[in-house]
Amino acid sequence: MNTAVADREFEFHARDFARVRALIYERAGISLHEGKQAMVYSRLSRRLRETSHLSFESYLKWLENGSGPQAQQEWQEFVNCLTTNLTSFFREEHHFHALADWLKARGSQPTRIWCCAASTGEEPYSLAMTVVESLGSHAPVKIMASDIDTNVLATASRAVYDASSRGLTPQRLHRFFLRGKGANEGSIRVKPELTKMIEFRPFNLMQPSWQLGEPFDVVFCRNVMIYFDAPTQRKVLEHIHAVMKPKGLLFVGHSENFTESRDLFLLKGKTVYDRV
């Protein structure tokens, strides 16, 4: 397609889509296939409206040539628009059973866990609930929760969700959440015993240098690698390996398989790997 679709609000040519693909790959490692044109148009159109651009060509040229804090902020908005944030509490529940068994066997040893695609927070709070259920609320466990998307991290930090959120049992709702009243009826807030365990911070897995403090015992990197091509996956796995302790656990998504990287991680269970 070399011409813009006539009934679209903004001009959007094949060359514009190709440029978006190159920029998001460069910035976030995300590989967009040819079938994502409609998604890109839909998500980035809002940025064109908010920045008063009349075409993607104009917006992308402005984005690439900008400098200073405003340009950096727009790059962040660009990335935020093109990331996918599908999550729920206790998604792929078998992982949390496996983590609970591992924590109980480990006992009271200090433990660092990294959730590197925290999205809107359901996954790190599920990790914190698993820790409390396994070891109690005073367990020496710290969770770092990061994401490239600053908008979803803001939601995660607020720790407020819909009371009908998927994946929560009545028992967990009662134990770990405060119910909203009055104007906040229908909402729930995560209790401080969980929030105090978690540090939220923005982080881009494409950063060349990872300065993340002490090595991690556990890393949850689930349903992230599916957006990367093979060379990018390998590079990210090498970085994760470098920031983990030997024999640490790596949890990945149900459709992700890294058996070709046996020099870094060995399959331990269903989408659970041991760090070599």
Protein backbone atom coordinates (compact mmCIF):
# COMPACT_ATOMS: atom_id res chain seq x y z
CA MET A 1 0.00 0.00 0.00
CA ASN A 2 1.68 3.20 -1.17
CA THR A 3 -1.24 5.57 -0.68
CA ALA A 4 -3.19 6.46 2.43
CA VAL A 5 -6.62 4.88 2.95
CA ALA A 6 -9.16 7.50 1.85
CA ASP A 7 -11.53 7.38 4.82
CA ARG A 8 -8.84 7.65 7.49
CA GLU A 9 -8.53 10.78 9.58
CA PHE A 10 -4.76 10.97 9.01
CA GLU A 11 -2.49 10.12 6.11
CA PHE A 12 -0.82 6.78 6.80
CA HIS A 13 1.34 5.28 4.06
CA ALA A 14 3.27 2.03 3.84
CA ARG A 15 6.49 3.99 4.33
CA ASP A 16 5.05 5.41 7.59
CA PHE A 17 4.31 1.94 8.91
CA ALA A 18 7.80 0.79 7.95
CA ARG A 19 9.27 3.74 9.86
CA VAL A 20 7.18 2.98 12.94
CA ARG A 21 8.34 -0.65 12.80
CA ALA A 22 11.98 0.44 12.65
CA LEU A 23 11.63 2.96 15.48
CA ILE A 24 9.81 0.68 17.93
CA TYR A 25 12.30 -2.10 17.20
CA GLU A 26 15.19 0.26 17.87
CA ARG A 27 13.65 1.70 21.04
CA ALA A 28 11.95 -1.33 22.62
CA GLY A 29 13.04 -4.42 20.68
CA ILE A 30 9.45 -5.04 19.57
CA SER A 31 9.04 -6.73 16.18
CA LEU A 32 5.79 -5.69 14.50
CA HIS A 33 4.67 -7.95 11.65
CA GLU A 34 2.88 -6.77 8.53
CA GLY A 35 -0.56 -7.47 9.98
CA LYS A 36 -0.20 -4.75 12.62
CA GLN A 37 -0.90 -1.73 10.39
CA ALA A 38 -4.42 -1.19 11.74
CA MET A 39 -3.23 -1.52 15.34
CA VAL A 40 -0.43 1.00 14.79
CA TYR A 41 -2.79 3.47 13.12
CA SER A 42 -5.39 3.14 15.88
CA ARG A 43 -2.95 3.53 18.77
CA LEU A 44 -0.80 6.32 17.37
CA SER A 45 -3.68 8.41 16.01
CA ARG A 46 -4.26 9.74 19.51
CA ARG A 47 -0.70 11.03 19.64
CA LEU A 48 -1.21 12.87 16.33
CA ARG A 49 -4.33 14.55 17.70
CA GLU A 50 -2.66 15.53 20.95
CA THR A 51 0.43 16.92 19.17
CA SER A 52 -1.60 18.64 16.39
CA HIS A 53 -0.05 16.71 13.49
CA LEU A 54 -2.04 16.05 10.33
CA SER A 55 -0.12 13.02 9.05
CA PHE A 56 2.09 10.25 10.33
CA GLU A 57 4.92 11.51 8.15
CA SER A 58 4.81 14.88 9.92
CA TYR A 59 4.54 13.31 13.39
CA LEU A 60 7.39 10.84 12.86
CA LYS A 61 9.68 13.50 11.41
CA TRP A 62 8.96 15.72 14.43
CA LEU A 63 9.54 12.81 16.79
CA GLU A 64 12.91 11.90 15.28
CA ASN A 65 14.18 15.47 15.06
CA GLY A 66 13.09 16.60 18.51
CA SER A 67 15.41 17.23 21.45
CA GLY A 68 15.15 18.03 25.13
CA PRO A 69 12.66 16.88 27.80
CA GLN A 70 9.59 17.33 25.59
CA ALA A 71 11.05 15.04 22.93
CA GLN A 72 12.00 12.43 25.53
CA GLN A 73 8.45 12.52 26.89
CA GLU A 74 7.01 12.01 23.42
CA TRP A 75 9.31 9.07 22.78
CA GLN A 76 7.94 7.54 25.99
CA GLU A 77 4.37 8.15 24.82
CA PHE A 78 5.23 6.56 21.46
CA VAL A 79 6.51 3.43 23.21
CA ASN A 80 3.57 3.39 25.64
CA CYS A 81 1.13 3.39 22.73
CA LEU A 82 2.72 0.39 21.02
CA THR A 83 3.21 -1.93 23.99
CA THR A 84 0.64 -4.61 24.86
CA ASN A 85 -0.54 -4.98 28.46
CA LEU A 86 -2.67 -8.09 28.84
CA THR A 87 -2.59 -9.28 32.44
CA SER A 88 -4.66 -10.53 35.38
CA PHE A 89 -4.16 -11.70 38.93
CA PHE A 90 -2.60 -15.19 39.16
CA ARG A 91 -2.41 -15.58 35.39
CA GLU A 92 -0.89 -18.99 34.54
CA GLU A 93 -1.57 -20.10 38.09
CA HIS A 94 0.76 -23.10 38.04
CA HIS A 95 3.70 -20.68 38.22
CA PHE A 96 2.54 -19.37 41.58
CA HIS A 97 2.17 -22.91 42.95
CA ALA A 98 5.73 -23.64 41.81
CA LEU A 99 6.99 -20.41 43.38
CA ALA A 100 5.19 -21.20 46.65
CA ASP A 101 6.84 -24.63 46.85
CA TRP A 102 10.25 -23.09 46.12
CA LEU A 103 9.78 -20.38 48.76
CA LYS A 104 8.71 -22.87 51.44
CA ALA A 105 11.74 -25.06 50.70
CA ARG A 106 14.00 -22.01 50.88
CA GLY A 107 12.57 -20.85 54.20
CA SER A 108 13.63 -17.57 55.76
CA GLN A 109 16.55 -16.74 53.45
CA PRO A 110 16.52 -13.19 52.02
CA THR A 111 15.09 -13.34 48.51
CA ARG A 112 14.96 -10.90 45.58
CA ILE A 113 12.32 -11.31 42.90
CA TRP A 114 12.12 -9.33 39.66
CA CYS A 115 8.88 -8.99 37.73
CA CYS A 116 10.18 -7.41 34.53
CA ALA A 117 6.85 -6.87 32.76
CA ALA A 118 4.72 -5.57 35.63
CA SER A 119 2.05 -3.98 33.42
CA THR A 120 -0.80 -2.64 35.60
CA GLY A 121 0.45 -4.49 38.67
CA GLU A 122 -1.60 -7.67 38.89
CA GLU A 123 1.45 -9.91 38.47
CA PRO A 124 3.70 -8.33 41.14
CA TYR A 125 0.83 -8.20 43.62
CA SER A 126 0.12 -11.88 42.87
CA LEU A 127 3.79 -12.56 43.65
CA ALA A 128 3.49 -10.65 46.93
CA MET A 129 0.35 -12.59 47.89
CA THR A 130 2.17 -15.85 47.16
CA VAL A 131 5.05 -14.75 49.40
CA VAL A 132 2.75 -13.90 52.31
CA GLU A 133 0.75 -17.11 51.94
CA SER A 134 3.97 -19.15 51.85
CA LEU A 135 6.17 -17.41 54.42
CA GLY A 136 4.08 -14.83 56.25
CA SER A 137 3.92 -11.03 56.01
CA HIS A 138 7.37 -10.50 57.57
CA ALA A 139 9.26 -12.66 55.07
CA PRO A 140 12.62 -11.16 53.97
CA VAL A 141 11.49 -10.91 50.35
CA LYS A 142 11.78 -7.87 48.10
CA ILE A 143 10.09 -7.57 44.71
CA MET A 144 11.25 -5.22 41.98
CA ALA A 145 8.52 -4.64 39.41
CA SER A 146 9.39 -2.86 36.17
CA ASP A 147 7.87 -2.09 32.80
CA ILE A 148 8.79 0.01 29.77
CA ASP A 149 5.30 1.58 29.78
CA THR A 150 5.13 4.41 32.33
CA ASN A 151 1.33 4.67 32.10
CA VAL A 152 0.70 1.13 33.29
CA LEU A 153 3.31 1.54 36.03
CA ALA A 154 1.35 4.52 37.36
CA THR A 155 -1.73 2.31 37.58
CA ALA A 156 0.28 -0.40 39.33
CA SER A 157 1.61 2.08 41.89
CA ARG A 158 -1.90 3.31 42.69
CA ALA A 159 -2.79 -0.29 43.68
CA VAL A 160 -6.52 0.26 43.05
CA TYR A 161 -8.54 -2.25 41.00
CA ASP A 162 -12.07 -3.21 40.13
CA ALA A 163 -13.63 -5.48 42.75
CA SER A 164 -14.60 -7.93 40.00
CA SER A 165 -10.99 -8.30 38.77
CA ARG A 166 -10.32 -11.73 37.30
CA GLY A 167 -8.19 -14.24 39.22
CA LEU A 168 -8.97 -13.29 42.82
CA THR A 169 -10.69 -15.75 45.15
CA PRO A 170 -13.09 -14.43 47.83
CA GLN A 171 -10.51 -15.45 50.44
CA ARG A 172 -7.75 -13.39 48.82
CA LEU A 173 -10.07 -10.45 48.30
CA HIS A 174 -10.84 -10.45 52.02
CA ARG A 175 -7.26 -10.97 53.19
CA PHE A 176 -5.27 -8.72 50.88
CA PHE A 177 -7.60 -5.89 49.77
CA LEU A 178 -9.56 -3.01 51.27
CA ARG A 179 -13.01 -2.47 49.78
CA GLY A 180 -13.96 1.00 48.62
CA LYS A 181 -16.98 2.74 50.16
CA GLY A 182 -19.24 5.53 48.97
CA ALA A 183 -17.85 7.05 45.78
CA ASN A 184 -15.22 4.29 45.68
CA GLU A 185 -17.70 1.42 45.95
CA GLY A 186 -16.84 -1.32 43.48
CA SER A 187 -13.10 -0.67 43.83
CA ILE A 188 -10.50 -2.46 45.93
CA ARG A 189 -7.12 -1.28 47.18
CA VAL A 190 -4.12 -3.52 47.85
CA LYS A 191 -3.24 -3.62 51.56
CA PRO A 192 0.07 -2.12 52.76
CA GLU A 193 1.48 -5.53 53.75
CA LEU A 194 1.81 -6.21 50.00
CA THR A 195 2.67 -2.76 48.67
CA LYS A 196 5.58 -2.39 51.10
CA MET A 197 7.29 -5.39 49.47
CA ILE A 198 7.30 -3.96 45.96
CA GLU A 199 9.42 -1.29 44.28
CA PHE A 200 8.00 -0.09 40.96
CA ARG A 201 10.36 1.44 38.41
CA PRO A 202 10.47 2.03 34.65
CA PHE A 203 12.93 -0.18 32.81
CA ASN A 204 13.65 -0.89 29.15
CA LEU A 205 15.00 -4.37 28.46
CA MET A 206 16.86 -2.90 25.46
CA GLN A 207 19.13 -0.83 27.73
CA PRO A 208 22.74 -1.81 27.01
CA SER A 209 23.71 -1.72 30.68
CA TRP A 210 21.58 -3.20 33.46
CA GLN A 211 22.29 -1.73 36.89
CA LEU A 212 19.75 -3.49 39.09
CA GLY A 213 21.53 -4.03 42.40
CA GLU A 214 22.08 -7.41 44.03
CA PRO A 215 21.47 -10.51 41.87
CA PHE A 216 17.93 -11.88 41.73
CA ASP A 217 16.85 -15.27 43.01
CA VAL A 218 13.70 -15.32 40.84
CA VAL A 219 12.78 -13.56 37.61
CA PHE A 220 9.30 -13.47 36.07
CA CYS A 221 9.65 -12.52 32.40
CA ARG A 222 6.38 -13.84 31.04
CA ASN A 223 4.85 -13.15 27.63
CA VAL A 224 7.52 -10.56 26.83
CA MET A 225 9.85 -12.46 24.51
CA ILE A 226 7.01 -13.23 22.09
CA TYR A 227 7.33 -9.62 20.89
CA PHE A 228 11.07 -9.98 20.15
CA ASP A 229 12.89 -11.63 17.26
CA ALA A 230 15.40 -14.44 17.94
CA PRO A 231 18.55 -12.25 18.21
CA THR A 232 16.79 -9.87 20.61
CA GLN A 233 15.50 -12.78 22.70
CA ARG A 234 19.01 -14.14 23.03
CA LYS A 235 20.41 -10.74 24.03
CA VAL A 236 17.73 -10.28 26.71
CA LEU A 237 18.29 -13.81 28.04
CA GLU A 238 22.01 -13.11 28.37
CA HIS A 239 21.25 -9.95 30.36
CA ILE A 240 18.77 -11.78 32.60
CA HIS A 241 21.32 -14.53 33.18
CA ALA A 242 23.88 -11.93 34.23
CA VAL A 243 21.61 -10.39 36.91
CA MET A 244 20.52 -13.71 38.45
CA LYS A 245 22.07 -15.99 41.03
CA PRO A 246 23.11 -19.48 39.93
CA LYS A 247 20.20 -21.94 40.27
CA GLY A 248 17.76 -19.03 40.34
CA LEU A 249 14.36 -19.56 38.75
CA LEU A 250 13.20 -17.96 35.50
CA PHE A 251 9.46 -18.06 34.78
CA VAL A 252 8.37 -17.46 31.18
CA GLY A 253 5.07 -17.41 29.27
CA HIS A 254 3.13 -20.46 28.16
CA SER A 255 4.12 -20.04 24.49
CA GLU A 256 7.79 -19.23 25.11
CA ASN A 257 10.53 -21.84 24.78
CA PHE A 258 14.24 -21.27 25.33
CA THR A 259 15.64 -24.79 25.14
CA GLU A 260 18.10 -23.54 22.49
CA SER A 261 19.77 -21.44 25.22
CA ARG A 262 20.78 -24.37 27.41
CA ASP A 263 24.09 -22.68 28.13
CA LEU A 264 22.09 -20.08 30.09
CA PHE A 265 18.94 -21.79 31.35
CA LEU A 266 17.82 -25.39 31.77
CA LEU A 267 14.15 -26.39 31.69
CA LYS A 268 13.02 -27.34 35.20
CA GLY A 269 9.24 -27.60 34.87
CA LYS A 270 6.37 -26.26 32.81
CA THR A 271 7.81 -22.96 31.45
CA VAL A 272 10.13 -22.72 34.47
CA TYR A 273 13.91 -22.64 33.99
CA ASP A 274 16.96 -22.97 36.23
CA ARG A 275 19.69 -20.41 35.73
CA VAL A 276 22.89 -22.32 34.86
